[in-house]
């Protein structure tokens, strides 16, 4: 469709060369921004994607050397272009970045790199004025936040009390064991990142302690298929946001890994490898790190969630009349009573135990401070329904639980991008 050239009411007094008018400005050129740009381009909507770094910036700069996607390539592609190579492979961060670059080129997506949005104001006529770090001014009828929540490291307040002789870094800064100072490592957080880095470090011969957390677990393969295949077929990632209670939506993604061809990972398996399991970190007093007495609860929760998800898959197989082999033994997914009784410490002296480094596997968050306050709630989170902002003209793609369980992962961004693009198109036409 033809683009409607919109000029804000106040522009008449300015030199038109200072200003660029677009139908849509998309902020963020990761998987969400690229998928949305593809959907807008197919509809001939005039738009641009602005990216603070390069295409796929967080995948370039916030992943460690041994990192692999947790989902197979066949379940990780964006709309319109398959990931190259083996569809069952678990690609590296660099391979994913290369794919993003190929995606951008294949569809001639209008990405502007090294451009940061520093402010966004809604005007009297409903449009938006955005300002960039280069002093450029963009006008847009619609603005889409597509940078997601995984770009700014989150570190708890107790980090300030860690002994000064102990090195601290966030998991987004972790590269490999060789880049750390000699000695043991305390990992804080037992979700996917914490478990994968724990395995990386223990395999490199480092003494490792991990402050566990309440995280589900799934086996890598079950009844003849990768777990992502079963979860996708059974509609797990299609569960609508409004059908899942709030507390369940806050539960992290299940423990799993794509390293070494993909395999199951669990607290039990880590303990058998020599990782010392602790409860939730409560804080530091001098060299003493204090932990809650909830380690056993975290182990049992992961065990129960694995049983529950496998039971859901069994029910789906039976309901659908599918022919699937029986489950084969998976030692990493087996429960092990000894895990619940080993190393039950609630306080350790980090210096006496030779712990030289603390890695905060405590997640990341997004920075939406550039948006108008009316677009966000009191916690600075998007106000929206299915990605359509409560502030008319604002939209969100790539954030967890926008419309369903899959919204925040590679598997799910395409559907949300289509919905947002269709809404923008309808509004532009009317």
Protein backbone atom coordinates (compact mmCIF):
# COMPACT_ATOMS: atom_id res chain seq x y z
CA UNK A 1 0.00 0.00 0.00
CA UNK A 2 1.13 3.57 -0.54
CA UNK A 3 2.71 5.22 2.48
CA UNK A 4 0.93 8.24 3.91
CA UNK A 5 3.50 11.00 4.43
CA UNK A 6 2.70 12.44 7.83
CA UNK A 7 4.10 15.71 9.17
CA UNK A 8 3.50 16.82 12.76
CA UNK A 9 1.69 20.11 13.27
CA UNK A 10 4.76 21.90 14.64
CA UNK A 11 7.04 20.95 11.73
CA UNK A 12 5.79 23.78 9.51
CA UNK A 13 8.14 26.18 11.28
CA UNK A 14 11.22 23.94 10.81
CA UNK A 15 13.46 23.00 7.96
CA UNK A 16 12.02 19.77 6.53
CA UNK A 17 15.56 18.43 6.12
CA UNK A 18 15.85 18.15 9.90
CA UNK A 19 13.00 15.70 10.08
CA UNK A 20 12.10 12.29 8.65
CA UNK A 21 8.50 11.07 8.64
CA UNK A 22 7.61 7.36 8.66
CA UNK A 23 4.59 5.22 9.23
CA UNK A 24 6.39 3.01 11.76
CA UNK A 25 9.60 3.10 13.79
CA UNK A 26 10.71 -0.26 15.20
CA UNK A 27 13.24 -0.15 18.06
CA UNK A 28 15.47 -3.23 18.22
CA UNK A 29 16.97 -5.41 15.47
CA UNK A 30 17.00 -8.77 17.19
CA UNK A 31 14.65 -11.62 16.34
CA UNK A 32 11.50 -9.65 17.24
CA UNK A 33 12.39 -6.52 15.26
CA UNK A 34 13.44 -8.53 12.22
CA UNK A 35 10.29 -10.66 12.27
CA UNK A 36 8.12 -7.55 12.55
CA UNK A 37 10.02 -5.77 9.78
CA UNK A 38 9.46 -8.80 7.53
CA UNK A 39 5.72 -8.66 8.29
CA UNK A 40 5.56 -4.90 7.63
CA UNK A 41 7.58 -5.17 4.42
CA UNK A 42 5.20 -7.79 3.05
CA UNK A 43 2.43 -5.26 3.60
CA UNK A 44 4.46 -2.42 1.99
CA UNK A 45 4.38 -0.37 5.21
CA UNK A 46 6.95 2.44 5.30
CA UNK A 47 9.15 1.79 8.34
CA UNK A 48 12.66 1.67 9.73
CA UNK A 49 14.34 -0.47 12.42
CA UNK A 50 16.77 1.35 14.68
CA UNK A 51 19.33 -0.66 16.64
CA UNK A 52 21.67 0.65 19.35
CA UNK A 53 24.44 -1.72 18.21
CA UNK A 54 24.44 -4.18 15.36
CA UNK A 55 21.83 -6.67 14.19
CA UNK A 56 21.43 -9.26 16.95
CA UNK A 57 23.57 -7.21 19.34
CA UNK A 58 22.80 -9.12 22.54
CA UNK A 59 23.55 -12.44 20.81
CA UNK A 60 26.92 -11.02 19.75
CA UNK A 61 27.99 -9.59 23.10
CA UNK A 62 26.13 -11.39 25.92
CA UNK A 63 26.70 -15.09 25.23
CA UNK A 64 29.57 -17.30 26.38
CA UNK A 65 31.86 -19.35 24.15
CA UNK A 66 30.18 -22.76 24.56
CA UNK A 67 26.66 -21.32 24.25
CA UNK A 68 24.13 -23.10 22.05
CA UNK A 69 20.46 -22.40 21.44
CA UNK A 70 18.21 -24.50 23.66
CA UNK A 71 15.83 -25.26 20.79
CA UNK A 72 16.72 -27.09 17.56
CA UNK A 73 17.17 -25.07 14.39
CA UNK A 74 13.84 -26.23 12.97
CA UNK A 75 12.06 -24.60 15.94
CA UNK A 76 14.21 -21.45 16.03
CA UNK A 77 13.80 -19.91 12.57
CA UNK A 78 12.03 -16.64 11.78
CA UNK A 79 9.12 -16.48 9.30
CA UNK A 80 10.06 -16.93 5.66
CA UNK A 81 13.62 -18.28 5.97
CA UNK A 82 14.89 -21.53 7.48
CA UNK A 83 18.06 -21.72 9.49
CA UNK A 84 20.74 -23.36 7.30
CA UNK A 85 22.14 -26.81 8.01
CA UNK A 86 20.78 -29.66 10.10
CA UNK A 87 17.24 -28.81 11.34
CA UNK A 88 17.95 -30.79 14.51
CA UNK A 89 21.17 -28.94 15.35
CA UNK A 90 21.58 -26.45 18.20
CA UNK A 91 23.27 -23.43 16.66
CA UNK A 92 25.89 -21.18 18.25
CA UNK A 93 25.31 -17.50 18.98
CA UNK A 94 27.54 -16.56 16.03
CA UNK A 95 25.61 -18.87 13.70
CA UNK A 96 22.39 -17.21 14.82
CA UNK A 97 23.86 -13.75 14.21
CA UNK A 98 24.96 -14.86 10.73
CA UNK A 99 21.40 -16.05 10.13
CA UNK A 100 19.99 -12.69 11.25
CA UNK A 101 22.32 -10.92 8.82
CA UNK A 102 21.20 -13.26 6.01
CA UNK A 103 17.56 -12.63 6.98
CA UNK A 104 18.09 -8.88 6.82
CA UNK A 105 19.67 -9.18 3.38
CA UNK A 106 17.17 -11.67 1.97
CA UNK A 107 14.23 -9.37 2.65
CA UNK A 108 16.05 -6.02 2.29
CA UNK A 109 14.99 -4.97 5.77
CA UNK A 110 15.59 -1.25 6.56
CA UNK A 111 17.91 -1.54 9.59
CA UNK A 112 19.88 1.43 10.92
CA UNK A 113 22.64 0.27 13.22
CA UNK A 114 24.39 2.22 16.00
CA UNK A 115 21.28 4.35 16.50
CA UNK A 116 19.87 4.75 19.99
CA UNK A 117 16.47 6.26 20.72
CA UNK A 118 16.94 8.78 23.54
CA UNK A 119 13.35 10.01 23.81
CA UNK A 120 9.85 9.58 22.43
CA UNK A 121 6.99 12.03 22.85
CA UNK A 122 3.40 11.76 21.69
CA UNK A 123 2.09 14.83 19.88
CA UNK A 124 -1.30 16.53 19.88
CA UNK A 125 -2.30 14.77 16.66
CA UNK A 126 -1.47 11.31 18.07
CA UNK A 127 1.82 10.79 16.27
CA UNK A 128 5.22 10.42 17.90
CA UNK A 129 8.49 12.32 17.76
CA UNK A 130 11.60 10.23 18.47
CA UNK A 131 15.09 11.58 19.02
CA UNK A 132 18.30 9.66 18.46
CA UNK A 133 21.81 9.78 19.90
CA UNK A 134 22.94 11.41 16.64
CA UNK A 135 20.55 14.33 17.06
CA UNK A 136 18.20 13.05 14.38
CA UNK A 137 14.44 13.51 14.71
CA UNK A 138 12.03 10.83 13.47
CA UNK A 139 8.30 11.23 13.17
CA UNK A 140 6.12 8.12 13.31
CA UNK A 141 2.46 7.29 13.37
CA UNK A 142 3.29 4.06 15.21
CA UNK A 143 6.18 3.03 17.49
CA UNK A 144 7.13 -0.58 18.28
CA UNK A 145 9.39 -1.63 21.16
CA UNK A 146 11.03 -4.82 19.90
CA UNK A 147 14.26 -4.95 21.91
CA UNK A 148 12.72 -7.34 24.46
CA UNK A 149 13.74 -7.81 28.08
CA UNK A 150 17.11 -9.52 27.65
CA UNK A 151 19.59 -6.69 27.20
CA UNK A 152 20.33 -5.01 30.55
CA UNK A 153 21.92 -7.22 33.28
CA UNK A 154 20.05 -7.49 36.59
CA UNK A 155 22.25 -7.69 39.70
CA UNK A 156 20.85 -7.88 43.27
CA UNK A 157 21.68 -5.28 45.93
CA UNK A 158 23.70 -7.77 47.96
CA UNK A 159 26.40 -7.63 45.26
CA UNK A 160 27.76 -4.55 47.02
CA UNK A 161 28.58 -6.70 50.07
CA UNK A 162 30.71 -9.28 48.23
CA UNK A 163 34.30 -9.20 49.54
CA UNK A 164 36.48 -6.95 47.40
CA UNK A 165 39.00 -9.75 46.80
CA UNK A 166 36.31 -11.76 45.00
CA UNK A 167 35.76 -10.95 41.32
CA UNK A 168 32.17 -10.33 40.26
CA UNK A 169 30.59 -10.48 36.83
CA UNK A 170 27.18 -11.00 35.31
CA UNK A 171 26.49 -14.05 33.16
CA UNK A 172 26.20 -11.67 30.18
CA UNK A 173 29.94 -10.98 30.65
CA UNK A 174 31.01 -14.61 31.06
CA UNK A 175 33.20 -16.01 28.27
CA UNK A 176 34.76 -19.24 29.57
CA UNK A 177 36.64 -20.69 32.54
CA UNK A 178 40.02 -19.52 31.24
CA UNK A 179 38.93 -15.88 31.39
CA UNK A 180 38.22 -16.12 35.16
CA UNK A 181 40.77 -15.74 37.96
CA UNK A 182 42.08 -19.06 39.36
CA UNK A 183 39.93 -20.66 42.05
CA UNK A 184 36.35 -21.70 42.74
CA UNK A 185 33.21 -20.06 41.39
CA UNK A 186 29.90 -19.29 43.07
CA UNK A 187 27.02 -19.09 40.60
CA UNK A 188 23.88 -17.29 41.77
CA UNK A 189 20.78 -18.54 39.97
CA UNK A 190 19.79 -22.04 38.86
CA UNK A 191 17.82 -21.41 35.68
CA UNK A 192 19.02 -22.32 32.18
CA UNK A 193 22.01 -19.95 32.25
CA UNK A 194 23.19 -20.92 35.73
CA UNK A 195 23.02 -24.65 35.02
CA UNK A 196 24.75 -24.35 31.65
CA UNK A 197 27.60 -22.22 33.01
CA UNK A 198 27.93 -24.59 36.00
CA UNK A 199 28.37 -27.48 33.59
CA UNK A 200 30.86 -25.49 31.51
CA UNK A 201 32.95 -24.66 34.58
CA UNK A 202 32.88 -28.09 36.23
CA UNK A 203 33.88 -29.70 32.93
CA UNK A 204 36.85 -27.29 32.88
CA UNK A 205 37.93 -28.55 36.31
CA UNK A 206 36.76 -25.59 38.39
CA UNK A 207 35.25 -26.06 41.89
CA UNK A 208 31.67 -24.82 41.57
CA UNK A 209 28.95 -23.84 44.01
CA UNK A 210 25.48 -22.84 42.78
CA UNK A 211 22.78 -20.94 44.66
CA UNK A 212 19.73 -22.75 43.32
CA UNK A 213 16.33 -21.32 42.53
CA UNK A 214 12.81 -22.52 41.78
CA UNK A 215 13.10 -23.62 38.15
CA UNK A 216 11.33 -26.41 36.21
CA UNK A 217 13.19 -29.10 34.29
CA UNK A 218 12.48 -31.07 31.11
CA UNK A 219 14.38 -33.93 29.45
CA UNK A 220 16.19 -33.16 26.20
CA UNK A 221 14.52 -36.04 24.38
CA UNK A 222 11.41 -37.96 25.28
CA UNK A 223 9.67 -40.83 23.53
CA UNK A 224 11.62 -40.54 20.32
CA UNK A 225 11.54 -36.75 19.79
CA UNK A 226 13.24 -33.59 20.98
CA UNK A 227 11.25 -32.07 23.83
CA UNK A 228 10.67 -28.88 21.78
CA UNK A 229 8.87 -30.95 19.16
CA UNK A 230 6.52 -32.46 21.72
CA UNK A 231 5.88 -29.18 23.53
CA UNK A 232 5.12 -27.45 20.22
CA UNK A 233 2.82 -30.20 18.99
CA UNK A 234 1.01 -30.39 22.33
CA UNK A 235 0.35 -26.63 22.30
CA UNK A 236 2.49 -25.86 25.35
CA UNK A 237 3.86 -22.64 23.83
CA UNK A 238 0.40 -21.63 22.61
CA UNK A 239 -1.05 -21.37 26.12
CA UNK A 240 -2.70 -17.96 26.24
CA UNK A 241 -1.41 -15.45 28.77
CA UNK A 242 -4.81 -14.86 30.36
CA UNK A 243 -5.24 -18.62 30.94
CA UNK A 244 -2.08 -18.96 33.06
CA UNK A 245 -1.99 -17.58 36.65
CA UNK A 246 0.41 -14.72 37.37
CA UNK A 247 2.67 -16.73 39.66
CA UNK A 248 3.14 -19.42 36.99
CA UNK A 249 4.10 -16.81 34.40
CA UNK A 250 6.98 -15.74 36.64
CA UNK A 251 8.52 -19.24 36.62
CA UNK A 252 11.72 -19.30 34.47
CA UNK A 253 12.12 -21.42 31.35
CA UNK A 254 12.99 -25.07 32.10
CA UNK A 255 16.55 -26.28 32.69
CA UNK A 256 17.91 -27.75 29.44
CA UNK A 257 20.90 -27.33 27.15
CA UNK A 258 21.82 -27.54 23.48
CA UNK A 259 25.55 -28.07 24.18
CA UNK A 260 27.25 -31.17 22.73
CA UNK A 261 24.32 -32.03 20.49
CA UNK A 262 21.81 -31.28 23.23
CA UNK A 263 21.26 -33.16 26.47
CA UNK A 264 19.30 -33.05 29.70
CA UNK A 265 20.67 -31.02 32.59
CA UNK A 266 19.48 -31.16 36.19
CA UNK A 267 20.50 -30.40 39.75
CA UNK A 268 21.00 -34.14 40.23
CA UNK A 269 23.38 -34.39 37.28
CA UNK A 270 25.32 -31.31 38.38
CA UNK A 271 25.66 -32.72 41.91
CA UNK A 272 26.97 -36.02 40.53
CA UNK A 273 29.59 -34.03 38.59
CA UNK A 274 30.74 -32.32 41.79
CA UNK A 275 28.78 -29.05 41.84
CA UNK A 276 27.83 -28.09 45.40
CA UNK A 277 24.12 -27.16 45.58
CA UNK A 278 23.00 -24.37 47.90
CA UNK A 279 19.72 -22.63 48.60
CA UNK A 280 18.75 -19.14 47.51
CA UNK A 281 21.44 -16.55 48.27
CA UNK A 282 20.28 -14.25 51.09
CA UNK A 283 23.35 -12.03 51.32
CA UNK A 284 26.89 -11.58 52.61
CA UNK A 285 28.36 -10.65 55.97
CA UNK A 286 32.06 -10.20 55.47
CA UNK A 287 33.40 -13.32 53.80
CA UNK A 288 30.35 -15.39 54.82
CA UNK A 289 27.67 -16.02 52.19
CA UNK A 290 24.27 -16.91 53.64
CA UNK A 291 21.71 -19.12 51.93
CA UNK A 292 18.09 -20.03 52.62
CA UNK A 293 17.23 -23.59 53.63
CA UNK A 294 15.21 -24.17 50.47
CA UNK A 295 17.64 -26.23 48.38
CA UNK A 296 15.56 -29.40 48.75
CA UNK A 297 12.40 -27.54 47.73
CA UNK A 298 14.11 -26.35 44.54
CA UNK A 299 15.29 -29.87 43.65
CA UNK A 300 11.86 -31.36 44.29
CA UNK A 301 10.13 -28.64 42.27
CA UNK A 302 12.30 -29.38 39.22
CA UNK A 303 11.63 -33.11 39.62
CA UNK A 304 7.87 -32.59 39.88
CA UNK A 305 7.73 -30.30 36.85
CA UNK A 306 9.61 -32.85 34.74
CA UNK A 307 7.12 -35.55 35.76
CA UNK A 308 4.17 -33.25 35.09
CA UNK A 309 5.33 -32.15 31.63
CA UNK A 310 6.09 -35.73 30.58
CA UNK A 311 2.61 -36.74 31.76
CA UNK A 312 1.10 -33.96 29.62
CA UNK A 313 3.02 -35.26 26.60
CA UNK A 314 1.89 -38.83 27.32
CA UNK A 315 -1.71 -37.62 27.45
CA UNK A 316 -1.30 -35.75 24.17
CA UNK A 317 0.17 -38.84 22.45
CA UNK A 318 -2.71 -41.00 23.67
CA UNK A 319 -5.35 -38.39 22.82
CA UNK A 320 -3.94 -37.91 19.32
CA UNK A 321 -3.50 -41.61 18.63
CA UNK A 322 0.16 -41.14 17.73
CA UNK A 323 2.63 -43.98 17.50
CA UNK A 324 5.54 -43.11 19.79
CA UNK A 325 8.14 -45.40 21.39
CA UNK A 326 8.33 -45.86 25.14
CA UNK A 327 10.59 -43.48 27.06
CA UNK A 328 14.23 -44.55 27.22
CA UNK A 329 16.38 -44.10 30.36
CA UNK A 330 17.82 -40.60 30.86
CA UNK A 331 20.20 -40.55 33.81
CA UNK A 332 20.30 -36.73 33.95
CA UNK A 333 16.51 -36.63 34.26
CA UNK A 334 16.40 -39.29 36.96
CA UNK A 335 15.77 -38.23 40.53
CA UNK A 336 18.55 -39.07 42.98
CA UNK A 337 17.75 -39.07 46.73
CA UNK A 338 21.40 -38.42 47.57
CA UNK A 339 21.13 -34.95 45.98
CA UNK A 340 18.74 -33.92 48.75
CA UNK A 341 21.12 -34.81 51.58
CA UNK A 342 24.53 -33.83 50.19
CA UNK A 343 26.21 -30.55 51.19
CA UNK A 344 23.29 -29.06 53.18
CA UNK A 345 25.15 -25.85 54.09
CA UNK A 346 23.29 -22.57 54.67
CA UNK A 347 26.48 -20.50 55.11
CA UNK A 348 29.94 -20.76 53.58
CA UNK A 349 33.11 -18.76 53.92
CA UNK A 350 33.92 -17.82 50.33
CA UNK A 351 37.55 -16.99 51.08
CA UNK A 352 38.24 -20.12 53.13
CA UNK A 353 36.68 -22.23 50.35
CA UNK A 354 38.85 -20.62 47.69
CA UNK A 355 35.96 -18.97 45.85
CA UNK A 356 37.58 -16.37 43.62
CA UNK A 357 34.59 -15.35 41.54
CA UNK A 358 30.83 -14.77 41.82
CA UNK A 359 28.81 -14.94 38.61
CA UNK A 360 25.34 -13.41 38.77
CA UNK A 361 23.04 -15.64 36.70
CA UNK A 362 20.16 -13.45 37.77
CA UNK A 363 18.68 -12.56 34.41
CA UNK A 364 18.37 -9.43 32.35
CA UNK A 365 15.72 -6.77 31.86
CA UNK A 366 14.75 -4.30 29.19
CA UNK A 367 15.15 -0.53 29.17
CA UNK A 368 11.90 1.14 28.11
CA UNK A 369 12.63 4.49 29.72
CA UNK A 370 12.65 6.12 26.27
CA UNK A 371 8.91 5.49 25.82
CA UNK A 372 6.23 7.95 26.97
CA UNK A 373 5.29 7.22 30.61
CA UNK A 374 1.70 6.50 29.57
CA UNK A 375 2.93 3.47 27.62
CA UNK A 376 4.23 1.79 30.80
CA UNK A 377 2.79 0.65 34.11
CA UNK A 378 4.04 1.62 37.57
CA UNK A 379 6.84 -1.00 37.34
CA UNK A 380 8.03 0.34 33.99
CA UNK A 381 6.57 -2.63 32.12
CA UNK A 382 4.50 -2.47 28.90
CA UNK A 383 0.81 -1.63 29.19
CA UNK A 384 -0.72 -3.71 26.44
CA UNK A 385 -3.06 -6.46 25.34
CA UNK A 386 -1.50 -9.08 23.06
CA UNK A 387 1.28 -6.62 22.21
CA UNK A 388 -1.08 -3.75 21.30
CA UNK A 389 -0.19 -0.87 23.61
CA UNK A 390 -2.71 0.78 25.91
CA UNK A 391 -1.27 4.08 24.65
CA UNK A 392 -2.62 4.15 21.13
CA UNK A 393 0.13 3.92 18.53
CA UNK A 394 2.53 1.93 20.74
CA UNK A 395 3.22 -1.79 20.33
CA UNK A 396 5.45 -4.49 21.81
CA UNK A 397 7.05 -7.59 20.26
CA UNK A 398 9.56 -10.06 21.72
CA UNK A 399 8.58 -9.69 25.38
CA UNK A 400 7.62 -12.71 27.53
CA UNK A 401 3.96 -13.60 27.75
CA UNK A 402 2.71 -10.85 25.41
CA UNK A 403 0.00 -13.13 24.06
CA UNK A 404 1.13 -16.63 25.02
CA UNK A 405 3.87 -18.71 26.61
CA UNK A 406 5.98 -18.62 23.44
CA UNK A 407 5.97 -14.84 22.99
CA UNK A 408 9.43 -14.25 24.42
CA UNK A 409 11.35 -16.95 22.52
CA UNK A 410 12.47 -17.42 18.91
CA UNK A 411 9.71 -19.95 18.36
CA UNK A 412 6.94 -17.48 19.17
CA UNK A 413 7.95 -14.02 17.93
CA UNK A 414 6.64 -14.59 14.40
CA UNK A 415 3.00 -14.96 15.43
CA UNK A 416 3.09 -11.85 17.62
CA UNK A 417 4.83 -9.89 14.85
CA UNK A 418 2.07 -10.87 12.41
CA UNK A 419 -0.62 -9.73 14.85
CA UNK A 420 1.06 -6.36 15.48
CA UNK A 421 1.73 -5.79 11.76
CA UNK A 422 -1.88 -6.60 10.88
CA UNK A 423 -3.15 -4.17 13.53
CA UNK A 424 -0.86 -1.38 12.31
CA UNK A 425 -1.95 -1.98 8.71
CA UNK A 426 -5.62 -1.80 9.64
CA UNK A 427 -5.13 1.41 11.58
CA UNK A 428 -3.17 3.05 8.78
CA UNK A 429 -5.94 2.23 6.32
CA UNK A 430 -8.69 3.54 8.53
